[in-house]
């Protein structure tokens, strides 16, 4: 697996774990916590992290092929084509968790949003660590 994919998946996994702990605390404070919340959270978090990792692997492979072929538009089309399949796979896994394993609906579905929150904070986190922003090579950041 590409080192960048490992790093980014680890970053997203950390956000999912932190936000999952916060969600567990909220359920506990509301008096709604039980094992179905825990297992729903674990299952939903695993699906969310797996989806992100799969997307990153697909995007990396598509870009590598596009560089070899000299057709960058092909990479975007390939990633876009797999998005629907990944979404349907995530939906199916969540339905199985909820229907078969009787997990809490909210605790299963809410973790699907956690990677987006981590992605939203990625530029700020990367800037604070001294990382370079994509597309800013040779330009001054206006902040």
N, C-alpha and C. Protein backbone atom coordinates (compact mmCIF):
# COMPACT_ATOMS: atom_id res chain seq x y z
N UNK A 1 0.85 -1.18 0.00
CA UNK A 1 0.00 0.00 0.00
C UNK A 1 0.90 1.24 0.00
N UNK A 2 0.46 2.24 -0.71
CA UNK A 2 1.20 3.49 -0.83
C UNK A 2 1.35 4.16 0.54
N UNK A 3 2.52 4.70 0.87
CA UNK A 3 2.72 5.35 2.17
C UNK A 3 1.77 6.53 2.40
N UNK A 4 1.43 7.26 1.35
CA UNK A 4 0.50 8.39 1.50
C UNK A 4 -0.89 7.89 1.89
N UNK A 5 -1.29 6.76 1.31
CA UNK A 5 -2.60 6.18 1.65
C UNK A 5 -2.61 5.75 3.12
N UNK A 6 -1.52 5.13 3.57
CA UNK A 6 -1.43 4.72 4.97
C UNK A 6 -1.52 5.93 5.90
N UNK A 7 -0.78 6.99 5.57
CA UNK A 7 -0.76 8.19 6.40
C UNK A 7 -2.14 8.83 6.46
N UNK A 8 -2.78 9.01 5.32
CA UNK A 8 -4.09 9.66 5.28
C UNK A 8 -5.16 8.80 5.94
N UNK A 9 -5.09 7.48 5.74
CA UNK A 9 -6.06 6.60 6.39
C UNK A 9 -5.87 6.62 7.90
N UNK A 10 -4.64 6.67 8.35
CA UNK A 10 -4.36 6.78 9.79
C UNK A 10 -4.91 8.07 10.37
N UNK A 11 -4.76 9.17 9.62
CA UNK A 11 -5.29 10.46 10.05
C UNK A 11 -6.81 10.39 10.18
N UNK A 12 -7.47 9.84 9.17
CA UNK A 12 -8.93 9.73 9.20
C UNK A 12 -9.36 8.77 10.31
N UNK A 13 -8.65 7.68 10.48
CA UNK A 13 -8.98 6.72 11.55
C UNK A 13 -8.90 7.39 12.92
N UNK A 14 -7.88 8.24 13.11
CA UNK A 14 -7.76 8.95 14.39
C UNK A 14 -8.96 9.84 14.62
N UNK A 15 -9.39 10.58 13.61
CA UNK A 15 -10.57 11.43 13.75
C UNK A 15 -11.82 10.60 14.05
N UNK A 16 -11.95 9.48 13.35
CA UNK A 16 -13.13 8.63 13.57
C UNK A 16 -13.14 8.10 15.00
N UNK A 17 -12.00 7.68 15.51
CA UNK A 17 -11.93 7.16 16.89
C UNK A 17 -12.26 8.26 17.89
N UNK A 18 -11.67 9.44 17.72
CA UNK A 18 -11.93 10.56 18.65
C UNK A 18 -13.41 10.94 18.63
N UNK A 19 -13.96 11.10 17.44
CA UNK A 19 -15.38 11.49 17.35
C UNK A 19 -16.30 10.37 17.81
N UNK A 20 -15.89 9.13 17.64
CA UNK A 20 -16.68 8.01 18.15
C UNK A 20 -16.72 8.01 19.67
N UNK A 21 -15.59 8.33 20.30
CA UNK A 21 -15.58 8.43 21.76
C UNK A 21 -16.47 9.56 22.25
N UNK A 22 -16.46 10.67 21.53
CA UNK A 22 -17.35 11.79 21.88
C UNK A 22 -18.80 11.36 21.75
N UNK A 23 -19.12 10.65 20.66
CA UNK A 23 -20.49 10.19 20.45
C UNK A 23 -20.91 9.22 21.55
N UNK A 24 -20.03 8.31 21.94
CA UNK A 24 -20.33 7.38 23.03
C UNK A 24 -20.63 8.16 24.32
N UNK A 25 -19.83 9.20 24.59
CA UNK A 25 -20.04 10.01 25.79
C UNK A 25 -21.39 10.72 25.75
N UNK A 26 -21.78 11.19 24.58
CA UNK A 26 -23.08 11.87 24.45
C UNK A 26 -24.21 10.87 24.73
N UNK A 27 -24.14 9.68 24.15
CA UNK A 27 -25.16 8.66 24.43
C UNK A 27 -25.20 8.34 25.92
N UNK A 28 -24.03 8.26 26.54
CA UNK A 28 -23.95 7.95 27.97
C UNK A 28 -24.58 9.07 28.80
N UNK A 29 -24.26 10.33 28.46
CA UNK A 29 -24.82 11.47 29.20
C UNK A 29 -26.34 11.58 29.03
N UNK A 30 -26.84 11.18 27.87
CA UNK A 30 -28.28 11.22 27.62
C UNK A 30 -29.01 10.02 28.23
N UNK A 31 -28.25 9.07 28.76
CA UNK A 31 -28.85 7.88 29.35
C UNK A 31 -29.37 6.90 28.31
N UNK A 32 -28.89 6.99 27.10
CA UNK A 32 -29.35 6.12 26.01
C UNK A 32 -28.32 5.07 25.62
N UNK A 33 -27.23 4.98 26.39
CA UNK A 33 -26.16 4.07 26.01
C UNK A 33 -26.52 2.64 26.37
N UNK A 34 -26.25 1.72 25.44
CA UNK A 34 -26.30 0.28 25.69
C UNK A 34 -25.34 -0.39 24.70
N UNK A 35 -25.28 -1.69 24.69
CA UNK A 35 -24.33 -2.38 23.82
C UNK A 35 -24.64 -2.19 22.34
N UNK A 36 -25.91 -1.95 22.00
CA UNK A 36 -26.24 -1.72 20.59
C UNK A 36 -25.60 -0.43 20.08
N UNK A 37 -25.42 0.54 20.98
CA UNK A 37 -24.74 1.78 20.62
C UNK A 37 -23.26 1.49 20.39
N UNK A 38 -22.65 0.75 21.28
CA UNK A 38 -21.22 0.43 21.15
C UNK A 38 -20.95 -0.34 19.86
N UNK A 39 -21.73 -1.39 19.62
CA UNK A 39 -21.49 -2.21 18.43
C UNK A 39 -21.85 -1.46 17.15
N UNK A 40 -22.88 -0.62 17.21
CA UNK A 40 -23.21 0.20 16.04
C UNK A 40 -22.10 1.17 15.72
N UNK A 41 -21.56 1.77 16.77
CA UNK A 41 -20.46 2.71 16.60
C UNK A 41 -19.23 2.01 16.03
N UNK A 42 -18.88 0.86 16.58
CA UNK A 42 -17.73 0.11 16.08
C UNK A 42 -17.91 -0.30 14.63
N UNK A 43 -19.10 -0.80 14.31
CA UNK A 43 -19.37 -1.22 12.93
C UNK A 43 -19.39 -0.06 11.97
N UNK A 44 -20.07 1.02 12.34
CA UNK A 44 -20.13 2.20 11.48
C UNK A 44 -18.76 2.83 11.28
N UNK A 45 -17.97 2.86 12.33
CA UNK A 45 -16.62 3.41 12.22
C UNK A 45 -15.76 2.55 11.30
N UNK A 46 -15.87 1.25 11.42
CA UNK A 46 -15.10 0.35 10.55
C UNK A 46 -15.49 0.53 9.09
N UNK A 47 -16.78 0.67 8.84
CA UNK A 47 -17.25 0.88 7.47
C UNK A 47 -16.73 2.22 6.94
N UNK A 48 -16.80 3.26 7.75
CA UNK A 48 -16.35 4.59 7.33
C UNK A 48 -14.85 4.61 7.02
N UNK A 49 -14.05 4.01 7.89
CA UNK A 49 -12.60 3.97 7.67
C UNK A 49 -12.28 3.10 6.45
N UNK A 50 -12.95 1.97 6.33
CA UNK A 50 -12.74 1.09 5.18
C UNK A 50 -13.10 1.76 3.88
N UNK A 51 -14.19 2.52 3.87
CA UNK A 51 -14.61 3.25 2.68
C UNK A 51 -13.56 4.27 2.29
N UNK A 52 -13.05 5.02 3.27
CA UNK A 52 -12.03 6.02 2.97
C UNK A 52 -10.77 5.36 2.43
N UNK A 53 -10.33 4.29 3.06
CA UNK A 53 -9.13 3.59 2.63
C UNK A 53 -9.29 3.06 1.20
N UNK A 54 -10.42 2.46 0.91
CA UNK A 54 -10.69 1.95 -0.42
C UNK A 54 -10.68 3.08 -1.45
N UNK A 55 -11.30 4.20 -1.11
CA UNK A 55 -11.32 5.34 -2.01
C UNK A 55 -9.90 5.85 -2.27
N UNK A 56 -9.08 5.91 -1.22
CA UNK A 56 -7.70 6.39 -1.37
C UNK A 56 -6.88 5.44 -2.24
N UNK A 57 -7.06 4.15 -2.06
CA UNK A 57 -6.32 3.17 -2.87
C UNK A 57 -6.75 3.27 -4.33
N UNK A 58 -8.05 3.37 -4.57
CA UNK A 58 -8.56 3.49 -5.93
C UNK A 58 -8.05 4.76 -6.59
N UNK A 59 -8.08 5.87 -5.86
CA UNK A 59 -7.60 7.15 -6.42
C UNK A 59 -6.11 7.09 -6.73
N UNK A 60 -5.33 6.49 -5.86
CA UNK A 60 -3.89 6.38 -6.08
C UNK A 60 -3.59 5.53 -7.30
N UNK A 61 -4.25 4.39 -7.41
CA UNK A 61 -4.03 3.52 -8.57
C UNK A 61 -4.48 4.21 -9.86
N UNK A 62 -5.60 4.91 -9.80
CA UNK A 62 -6.10 5.60 -10.99
C UNK A 62 -5.13 6.69 -11.43
N UNK A 63 -4.57 7.43 -10.47
CA UNK A 63 -3.60 8.47 -10.81
C UNK A 63 -2.32 7.86 -11.39
N UNK A 64 -1.87 6.76 -10.83
CA UNK A 64 -0.67 6.11 -11.35
C UNK A 64 -0.88 5.65 -12.79
N UNK A 65 -2.04 5.07 -13.07
CA UNK A 65 -2.35 4.64 -14.44
C UNK A 65 -2.47 5.84 -15.37
N UNK A 66 -3.07 6.92 -14.87
CA UNK A 66 -3.24 8.11 -15.70
C UNK A 66 -1.89 8.73 -16.05
N UNK A 67 -0.97 8.71 -15.11
CA UNK A 67 0.38 9.24 -15.36
C UNK A 67 1.08 8.38 -16.41
N UNK A 68 0.93 7.07 -16.30
CA UNK A 68 1.55 6.17 -17.27
C UNK A 68 0.96 6.35 -18.67
N UNK A 69 -0.37 6.53 -18.73
CA UNK A 69 -1.05 6.66 -20.02
C UNK A 69 -1.06 8.09 -20.55
N UNK A 70 -0.80 9.06 -19.68
CA UNK A 70 -0.84 10.46 -20.09
C UNK A 70 -2.26 11.00 -20.24
N UNK A 71 -3.22 10.38 -19.54
CA UNK A 71 -4.62 10.82 -19.63
C UNK A 71 -5.17 11.07 -18.23
N UNK A 72 -4.97 12.28 -17.68
CA UNK A 72 -5.44 12.55 -16.31
C UNK A 72 -6.95 12.53 -16.16
N UNK A 73 -7.68 12.83 -17.21
CA UNK A 73 -9.15 12.81 -17.12
C UNK A 73 -9.67 11.40 -16.88
N UNK A 74 -8.89 10.40 -17.30
CA UNK A 74 -9.25 9.01 -17.07
C UNK A 74 -9.28 8.67 -15.58
N UNK A 75 -8.38 9.25 -14.81
CA UNK A 75 -8.32 9.00 -13.37
C UNK A 75 -9.57 9.50 -12.68
N UNK A 76 -9.98 10.71 -13.02
CA UNK A 76 -11.19 11.27 -12.40
C UNK A 76 -12.42 10.43 -12.75
N UNK A 77 -12.50 9.98 -13.98
CA UNK A 77 -13.64 9.16 -14.40
C UNK A 77 -13.66 7.82 -13.66
N UNK A 78 -12.49 7.24 -13.46
CA UNK A 78 -12.41 5.94 -12.78
C UNK A 78 -12.84 6.08 -11.32
N UNK A 79 -12.35 7.11 -10.64
CA UNK A 79 -12.71 7.33 -9.24
C UNK A 79 -14.20 7.63 -9.12
N UNK A 80 -14.71 8.44 -10.02
CA UNK A 80 -16.14 8.78 -10.00
C UNK A 80 -17.00 7.54 -10.24
N UNK A 81 -16.55 6.65 -11.11
CA UNK A 81 -17.31 5.44 -11.42
C UNK A 81 -17.40 4.51 -10.21
N UNK A 82 -16.39 4.50 -9.37
CA UNK A 82 -16.42 3.61 -8.20
C UNK A 82 -17.17 4.21 -7.02
N UNK A 83 -17.45 5.51 -7.07
CA UNK A 83 -18.10 6.17 -5.93
C UNK A 83 -19.47 5.57 -5.64
N UNK A 84 -20.25 5.30 -6.67
CA UNK A 84 -21.59 4.74 -6.47
C UNK A 84 -21.51 3.34 -5.88
N UNK A 85 -20.59 2.54 -6.36
CA UNK A 85 -20.44 1.18 -5.85
C UNK A 85 -20.02 1.22 -4.38
N UNK A 86 -19.08 2.10 -4.04
CA UNK A 86 -18.65 2.21 -2.63
C UNK A 86 -19.80 2.68 -1.75
N UNK A 87 -20.57 3.64 -2.22
CA UNK A 87 -21.71 4.15 -1.45
C UNK A 87 -22.74 3.04 -1.22
N UNK A 88 -23.04 2.29 -2.26
CA UNK A 88 -23.99 1.18 -2.11
C UNK A 88 -23.46 0.11 -1.18
N UNK A 89 -22.16 -0.16 -1.26
CA UNK A 89 -21.54 -1.13 -0.34
C UNK A 89 -21.64 -0.68 1.11
N UNK A 90 -21.37 0.60 1.35
CA UNK A 90 -21.48 1.15 2.71
C UNK A 90 -22.92 1.06 3.21
N UNK A 91 -23.86 1.41 2.34
CA UNK A 91 -25.28 1.35 2.72
C UNK A 91 -25.68 -0.09 3.06
N UNK A 92 -25.25 -1.04 2.24
CA UNK A 92 -25.57 -2.44 2.48
C UNK A 92 -24.98 -2.93 3.80
N UNK A 93 -23.74 -2.58 4.06
CA UNK A 93 -23.12 -2.99 5.33
C UNK A 93 -23.82 -2.37 6.53
N UNK A 94 -24.22 -1.11 6.42
CA UNK A 94 -24.95 -0.47 7.53
C UNK A 94 -26.32 -1.12 7.74
N UNK A 95 -26.99 -1.45 6.66
CA UNK A 95 -28.30 -2.13 6.78
C UNK A 95 -28.11 -3.49 7.45
N UNK A 96 -27.07 -4.20 7.09
CA UNK A 96 -26.80 -5.51 7.72
C UNK A 96 -26.52 -5.31 9.21
N UNK A 97 -25.71 -4.32 9.55
CA UNK A 97 -25.43 -4.05 10.97
C UNK A 97 -26.71 -3.77 11.74
N UNK A 98 -27.57 -2.95 11.16
CA UNK A 98 -28.79 -2.53 11.86
C UNK A 98 -29.83 -3.66 11.89
N UNK A 99 -30.06 -4.31 10.75
CA UNK A 99 -31.12 -5.32 10.66
C UNK A 99 -30.73 -6.66 11.28
N UNK A 100 -29.54 -7.13 10.99
CA UNK A 100 -29.14 -8.45 11.45
C UNK A 100 -28.58 -8.42 12.86
N UNK A 101 -27.69 -7.46 13.11
CA UNK A 101 -27.02 -7.40 14.41
C UNK A 101 -27.73 -6.49 15.41
N UNK A 102 -28.81 -5.87 14.99
CA UNK A 102 -29.65 -5.02 15.85
C UNK A 102 -28.87 -3.91 16.55
N UNK A 103 -27.99 -3.25 15.80
CA UNK A 103 -27.24 -2.13 16.36
C UNK A 103 -28.11 -0.88 16.34
N UNK A 104 -27.74 0.09 17.14
CA UNK A 104 -28.45 1.36 17.19
C UNK A 104 -28.30 2.07 15.84
N UNK A 105 -29.41 2.53 15.29
CA UNK A 105 -29.41 3.15 13.96
C UNK A 105 -28.51 4.38 13.94
N UNK A 106 -28.67 5.26 14.90
CA UNK A 106 -27.90 6.50 14.92
C UNK A 106 -26.41 6.24 15.13
N UNK A 107 -26.12 5.33 16.05
CA UNK A 107 -24.71 5.03 16.35
C UNK A 107 -24.04 4.33 15.17
N UNK A 108 -24.80 3.70 14.31
CA UNK A 108 -24.25 3.05 13.13
C UNK A 108 -24.04 4.05 12.00
N UNK A 109 -24.97 4.96 11.81
CA UNK A 109 -24.91 5.86 10.66
C UNK A 109 -24.09 7.13 10.90
N UNK A 110 -24.10 7.66 12.10
CA UNK A 110 -23.38 8.92 12.37
C UNK A 110 -21.88 8.81 12.10
N UNK A 111 -21.22 7.68 12.42
CA UNK A 111 -19.78 7.60 12.12
C UNK A 111 -19.45 7.73 10.62
N UNK A 112 -20.43 7.54 9.76
CA UNK A 112 -20.18 7.71 8.34
C UNK A 112 -19.84 9.16 7.99
N UNK A 113 -20.21 10.09 8.87
CA UNK A 113 -19.91 11.50 8.65
C UNK A 113 -18.53 11.90 9.19
N UNK A 114 -17.96 11.10 10.06
CA UNK A 114 -16.71 11.47 10.72
C UNK A 114 -15.53 11.68 9.77
N UNK A 115 -15.36 10.86 8.72
CA UNK A 115 -14.25 11.15 7.80
C UNK A 115 -14.35 12.53 7.15
N UNK A 116 -15.56 12.97 6.85
CA UNK A 116 -15.74 14.30 6.26
C UNK A 116 -15.29 15.41 7.22
N UNK A 117 -15.55 15.19 8.49
CA UNK A 117 -15.12 16.18 9.49
C UNK A 117 -13.59 16.20 9.54
N UNK A 118 -12.97 15.04 9.53
CA UNK A 118 -11.51 14.96 9.52
C UNK A 118 -10.93 15.61 8.27
N UNK A 119 -11.55 15.40 7.13
CA UNK A 119 -11.10 16.01 5.88
C UNK A 119 -11.23 17.53 5.96
N UNK A 120 -12.29 18.01 6.58
CA UNK A 120 -12.48 19.46 6.70
C UNK A 120 -11.38 20.10 7.52
N UNK A 121 -10.85 19.38 8.52
CA UNK A 121 -9.80 19.92 9.36
C UNK A 121 -8.40 19.63 8.83
N UNK A 122 -8.27 18.84 7.77
CA UNK A 122 -6.96 18.47 7.25
C UNK A 122 -6.08 19.67 6.90
N UNK A 123 -6.58 20.69 6.18
CA UNK A 123 -5.71 21.83 5.85
C UNK A 123 -5.18 22.55 7.08
N UNK A 124 -6.02 22.75 8.07
CA UNK A 124 -5.59 23.42 9.30
C UNK A 124 -4.56 22.58 10.04
N UNK A 125 -4.81 21.28 10.15
CA UNK A 125 -3.90 20.38 10.84
C UNK A 125 -2.56 20.34 10.11
N UNK A 126 -2.61 20.24 8.80
CA UNK A 126 -1.39 20.15 8.00
C UNK A 126 -0.61 21.46 8.06
N UNK A 127 -1.29 22.59 8.05
CA UNK A 127 -0.63 23.90 8.13
C UNK A 127 0.06 24.06 9.48
N UNK A 128 -0.60 23.64 10.55
CA UNK A 128 -0.02 23.75 11.89
C UNK A 128 1.22 22.87 12.04
N UNK A 129 1.31 21.80 11.29
CA UNK A 129 2.46 20.90 11.35
C UNK A 129 3.54 21.30 10.36
N UNK A 130 3.31 22.39 9.63
CA UNK A 130 4.31 22.86 8.69
C UNK A 130 4.24 22.18 7.35
N UNK A 131 3.16 21.46 7.09
CA UNK A 131 3.00 20.79 5.79
C UNK A 131 2.66 21.78 4.71
N UNK A 132 2.95 21.40 3.50
CA UNK A 132 2.67 22.27 2.37
C UNK A 132 1.27 21.98 1.85
N UNK A 133 0.53 23.01 1.54
CA UNK A 133 -0.81 22.85 1.01
C UNK A 133 -0.74 22.45 -0.45
N UNK A 134 -1.58 21.49 -0.89
CA UNK A 134 -1.55 21.10 -2.29
C UNK A 134 -1.91 22.28 -3.19
N UNK A 135 -1.19 22.43 -4.26
CA UNK A 135 -1.50 23.49 -5.22
C UNK A 135 -0.94 24.84 -4.82
N UNK A 136 -0.14 24.92 -3.77
CA UNK A 136 0.39 26.21 -3.33
C UNK A 136 1.89 26.32 -3.54
N UNK A 137 2.45 25.38 -4.29
CA UNK A 137 3.88 25.41 -4.53
C UNK A 137 4.22 26.72 -5.25
N UNK A 138 5.18 27.46 -4.70
CA UNK A 138 5.64 28.68 -5.34
C UNK A 138 4.74 29.88 -5.15
N UNK A 139 3.73 29.78 -4.31
CA UNK A 139 2.86 30.93 -4.07
C UNK A 139 2.85 31.24 -2.58
N UNK A 140 2.52 32.46 -2.26
CA UNK A 140 2.41 32.88 -0.86
C UNK A 140 1.00 32.68 -0.39
N UNK A 141 0.83 32.08 0.79
CA UNK A 141 -0.49 31.94 1.37
C UNK A 141 -0.93 33.28 1.94
N UNK A 142 -2.17 33.62 1.70
CA UNK A 142 -2.72 34.88 2.23
C UNK A 142 -3.52 34.54 3.47
N UNK A 143 -2.95 34.79 4.62
CA UNK A 143 -3.64 34.53 5.90
C UNK A 143 -3.43 35.67 6.84
